[in-house]
Amino acid sequence: MASGRSGLILDAVIEEGNPADSERFMPLLERQIEISGRAPWKMAADGGYTSKDNVQQAKGVKDVAFHKKKGLKVEHMVKSD
């Protein structure tokens, strides 16, 4: 599920099987770009989505933060307080 600032659900996908969350992060972001025509300004995701690749690949998103850091410093994920 993806929601906006107000909590309004913007998108929902039911996956077949049980794919790893970290593998689903970029398809989720790409789907949001397709729906809205641009990358979101900021993103926050559950810790299961955390990976260095996901932080680096999220081009166009100013701040990407994950609940569990998995060895990443907050400063490496976000650019603003």
N, C-alpha and C. Protein backbone atom coordinates (compact mmCIF):
# COMPACT_ATOMS: atom_id res chain seq x y z
N MET A 1 0.83 -1.18 0.00
CA MET A 1 0.00 0.00 0.00
C MET A 1 0.88 1.24 0.00
N ALA A 2 0.40 2.25 -0.64
CA ALA A 2 1.08 3.55 -0.63
C ALA A 2 0.04 4.59 -0.24
N SER A 3 0.44 5.48 0.66
CA SER A 3 -0.48 6.53 1.10
C SER A 3 0.19 7.88 1.00
N GLY A 4 -0.64 8.90 0.93
CA GLY A 4 -0.14 10.27 0.87
C GLY A 4 -0.03 10.86 2.26
N ARG A 5 0.34 12.11 2.30
CA ARG A 5 0.55 12.83 3.56
C ARG A 5 -0.68 12.76 4.46
N SER A 6 -1.86 12.84 3.90
CA SER A 6 -3.09 12.84 4.70
C SER A 6 -3.50 11.45 5.18
N GLY A 7 -2.80 10.42 4.66
CA GLY A 7 -3.17 9.06 5.01
C GLY A 7 -4.06 8.42 3.96
N LEU A 8 -4.47 9.18 2.95
CA LEU A 8 -5.29 8.65 1.86
C LEU A 8 -4.51 7.59 1.11
N ILE A 9 -5.09 6.42 0.90
CA ILE A 9 -4.44 5.34 0.17
C ILE A 9 -4.37 5.73 -1.31
N LEU A 10 -3.16 5.79 -1.86
CA LEU A 10 -2.95 6.17 -3.25
C LEU A 10 -2.83 4.97 -4.17
N ASP A 11 -2.45 3.83 -3.61
CA ASP A 11 -2.23 2.64 -4.43
C ASP A 11 -2.20 1.42 -3.52
N ALA A 12 -2.62 0.29 -4.05
CA ALA A 12 -2.55 -0.98 -3.33
C ALA A 12 -2.30 -2.09 -4.33
N VAL A 13 -1.41 -2.99 -3.99
CA VAL A 13 -1.08 -4.13 -4.85
C VAL A 13 -1.08 -5.37 -3.98
N ILE A 14 -1.71 -6.42 -4.48
CA ILE A 14 -1.66 -7.72 -3.81
C ILE A 14 -0.72 -8.59 -4.63
N GLU A 15 0.40 -8.93 -4.02
CA GLU A 15 1.43 -9.71 -4.70
C GLU A 15 1.07 -11.18 -4.69
N GLU A 16 1.50 -11.89 -5.72
CA GLU A 16 1.35 -13.33 -5.76
C GLU A 16 2.54 -13.94 -5.04
N GLY A 17 2.30 -14.90 -4.19
CA GLY A 17 3.39 -15.52 -3.44
C GLY A 17 3.81 -14.64 -2.28
N ASN A 18 5.08 -14.73 -1.92
CA ASN A 18 5.59 -13.97 -0.78
C ASN A 18 6.96 -13.37 -1.13
N PRO A 19 6.97 -12.38 -2.05
CA PRO A 19 8.26 -11.80 -2.45
C PRO A 19 8.86 -10.97 -1.31
N ALA A 20 10.18 -10.87 -1.31
CA ALA A 20 10.87 -10.06 -0.30
C ALA A 20 10.50 -8.59 -0.48
N ASP A 21 10.24 -7.91 0.62
CA ASP A 21 9.88 -6.49 0.55
C ASP A 21 10.96 -5.68 -0.16
N SER A 22 12.24 -5.97 0.14
CA SER A 22 13.32 -5.18 -0.45
C SER A 22 13.32 -5.27 -1.97
N GLU A 23 12.84 -6.37 -2.52
CA GLU A 23 12.75 -6.53 -3.98
C GLU A 23 11.55 -5.79 -4.55
N ARG A 24 10.60 -5.42 -3.74
CA ARG A 24 9.38 -4.77 -4.22
C ARG A 24 9.44 -3.25 -4.11
N PHE A 25 10.48 -2.70 -3.48
CA PHE A 25 10.56 -1.26 -3.27
C PHE A 25 10.61 -0.47 -4.58
N MET A 26 11.52 -0.82 -5.48
CA MET A 26 11.65 -0.07 -6.73
C MET A 26 10.41 -0.21 -7.61
N PRO A 27 9.81 -1.41 -7.74
CA PRO A 27 8.56 -1.47 -8.50
C PRO A 27 7.46 -0.60 -7.88
N LEU A 28 7.42 -0.52 -6.53
CA LEU A 28 6.44 0.34 -5.86
C LEU A 28 6.70 1.80 -6.22
N LEU A 29 7.96 2.23 -6.17
CA LEU A 29 8.31 3.61 -6.51
C LEU A 29 8.00 3.89 -7.98
N GLU A 30 8.37 3.00 -8.86
CA GLU A 30 8.11 3.19 -10.29
C GLU A 30 6.61 3.28 -10.57
N ARG A 31 5.82 2.51 -9.84
CA ARG A 31 4.36 2.57 -9.99
C ARG A 31 3.82 3.93 -9.55
N GLN A 32 4.36 4.47 -8.46
CA GLN A 32 3.93 5.79 -8.00
C GLN A 32 4.29 6.87 -9.02
N ILE A 33 5.47 6.76 -9.63
CA ILE A 33 5.87 7.71 -10.66
C ILE A 33 4.93 7.61 -11.85
N GLU A 34 4.57 6.39 -12.22
CA GLU A 34 3.64 6.19 -13.34
C GLU A 34 2.26 6.78 -13.04
N ILE A 35 1.77 6.59 -11.83
CA ILE A 35 0.45 7.08 -11.45
C ILE A 35 0.41 8.60 -11.39
N SER A 36 1.42 9.21 -10.74
CA SER A 36 1.37 10.66 -10.52
C SER A 36 2.17 11.47 -11.54
N GLY A 37 3.00 10.81 -12.33
CA GLY A 37 3.78 11.52 -13.33
C GLY A 37 5.09 12.10 -12.79
N ARG A 38 5.39 11.85 -11.53
CA ARG A 38 6.65 12.34 -10.94
C ARG A 38 6.98 11.51 -9.71
N ALA A 39 8.25 11.59 -9.32
CA ALA A 39 8.67 10.88 -8.10
C ALA A 39 8.13 11.62 -6.89
N PRO A 40 7.79 10.90 -5.83
CA PRO A 40 7.37 11.58 -4.60
C PRO A 40 8.52 12.39 -4.02
N TRP A 41 8.21 13.44 -3.32
CA TRP A 41 9.22 14.29 -2.69
C TRP A 41 9.95 13.53 -1.58
N LYS A 42 9.18 12.80 -0.76
CA LYS A 42 9.73 12.03 0.35
C LYS A 42 9.04 10.68 0.41
N MET A 43 9.77 9.68 0.92
CA MET A 43 9.20 8.35 1.10
C MET A 43 9.67 7.78 2.43
N ALA A 44 8.81 7.09 3.11
CA ALA A 44 9.16 6.34 4.31
C ALA A 44 8.60 4.94 4.11
N ALA A 45 9.38 3.93 4.50
CA ALA A 45 8.95 2.56 4.29
C ALA A 45 9.32 1.71 5.49
N ASP A 46 8.63 0.60 5.63
CA ASP A 46 8.91 -0.37 6.66
C ASP A 46 10.34 -0.89 6.50
N GLY A 47 10.89 -1.39 7.58
CA GLY A 47 12.26 -1.86 7.58
C GLY A 47 12.56 -2.98 6.60
N GLY A 48 11.57 -3.76 6.23
CA GLY A 48 11.79 -4.85 5.28
C GLY A 48 12.22 -4.36 3.90
N TYR A 49 11.93 -3.11 3.58
CA TYR A 49 12.29 -2.54 2.28
C TYR A 49 13.71 -2.01 2.25
N THR A 50 14.39 -1.98 3.40
CA THR A 50 15.71 -1.37 3.52
C THR A 50 16.77 -2.12 2.74
N SER A 51 17.50 -1.37 1.93
CA SER A 51 18.73 -1.86 1.31
C SER A 51 19.49 -0.66 0.79
N LYS A 52 20.81 -0.78 0.73
CA LYS A 52 21.62 0.31 0.19
C LYS A 52 21.25 0.57 -1.26
N ASP A 53 20.99 -0.49 -2.02
CA ASP A 53 20.60 -0.33 -3.42
C ASP A 53 19.31 0.47 -3.55
N ASN A 54 18.34 0.19 -2.68
CA ASN A 54 17.06 0.92 -2.76
C ASN A 54 17.25 2.40 -2.47
N VAL A 55 18.12 2.74 -1.53
CA VAL A 55 18.39 4.15 -1.24
C VAL A 55 19.04 4.81 -2.45
N GLN A 56 20.02 4.13 -3.06
CA GLN A 56 20.75 4.69 -4.18
C GLN A 56 19.90 4.76 -5.44
N GLN A 57 19.02 3.80 -5.64
CA GLN A 57 18.22 3.74 -6.87
C GLN A 57 17.00 4.65 -6.84
N ALA A 58 16.65 5.17 -5.70
CA ALA A 58 15.45 6.00 -5.57
C ALA A 58 15.73 7.42 -6.08
N LYS A 59 16.21 7.53 -7.29
CA LYS A 59 16.53 8.83 -7.89
C LYS A 59 15.26 9.67 -8.02
N GLY A 60 15.38 10.94 -7.77
CA GLY A 60 14.23 11.83 -7.88
C GLY A 60 13.49 12.01 -6.57
N VAL A 61 13.73 11.13 -5.61
CA VAL A 61 13.11 11.25 -4.29
C VAL A 61 14.13 11.95 -3.39
N LYS A 62 13.74 13.08 -2.82
CA LYS A 62 14.68 13.85 -1.99
C LYS A 62 15.08 13.07 -0.74
N ASP A 63 14.12 12.55 -0.02
CA ASP A 63 14.38 11.81 1.22
C ASP A 63 13.72 10.45 1.17
N VAL A 64 14.51 9.40 1.43
CA VAL A 64 13.99 8.03 1.53
C VAL A 64 14.43 7.51 2.89
N ALA A 65 13.50 7.18 3.75
CA ALA A 65 13.83 6.69 5.08
C ALA A 65 13.15 5.35 5.32
N PHE A 66 13.89 4.47 5.98
CA PHE A 66 13.38 3.15 6.31
C PHE A 66 13.33 3.00 7.83
N HIS A 67 12.35 2.26 8.31
CA HIS A 67 12.15 2.07 9.74
C HIS A 67 13.37 1.40 10.39
N LYS A 68 13.88 0.36 9.78
CA LYS A 68 15.09 -0.32 10.27
C LYS A 68 16.22 0.08 9.35
N LYS A 69 17.30 0.55 9.91
CA LYS A 69 18.38 1.12 9.12
C LYS A 69 19.30 0.08 8.49
N LYS A 70 19.40 -1.10 9.07
CA LYS A 70 20.24 -2.19 8.55
C LYS A 70 21.63 -1.72 8.15
N GLY A 71 22.30 -1.03 9.06
CA GLY A 71 23.66 -0.58 8.81
C GLY A 71 23.77 0.76 8.11
N LEU A 72 22.66 1.35 7.70
CA LEU A 72 22.67 2.66 7.04
C LEU A 72 22.51 3.74 8.09
N LYS A 73 23.26 4.79 7.96
CA LYS A 73 23.07 5.96 8.83
C LYS A 73 21.93 6.79 8.28
N VAL A 74 21.18 7.42 9.16
CA VAL A 74 20.06 8.27 8.73
C VAL A 74 20.55 9.31 7.72
N GLU A 75 21.73 9.86 7.94
CA GLU A 75 22.28 10.88 7.03
C GLU A 75 22.48 10.35 5.61
N HIS A 76 22.66 9.02 5.45
CA HIS A 76 22.82 8.43 4.13
C HIS A 76 21.47 8.23 3.43
N MET A 77 20.41 8.25 4.21
CA MET A 77 19.08 8.02 3.62
C MET A 77 18.39 9.35 3.31
N VAL A 78 18.48 10.32 4.20
CA VAL A 78 17.73 11.57 4.04
C VAL A 78 18.66 12.76 3.93
N LYS A 79 18.19 13.79 3.28
CA LYS A 79 18.99 15.00 3.08
C LYS A 79 18.56 16.14 3.98
N SER A 80 17.41 15.99 4.64
CA SER A 80 16.93 17.05 5.51
C SER A 80 16.47 16.46 6.85
N ASP A 81 16.42 17.31 7.85
CA ASP A 81 15.96 16.85 9.16
C ASP A 81 14.48 16.53 9.12
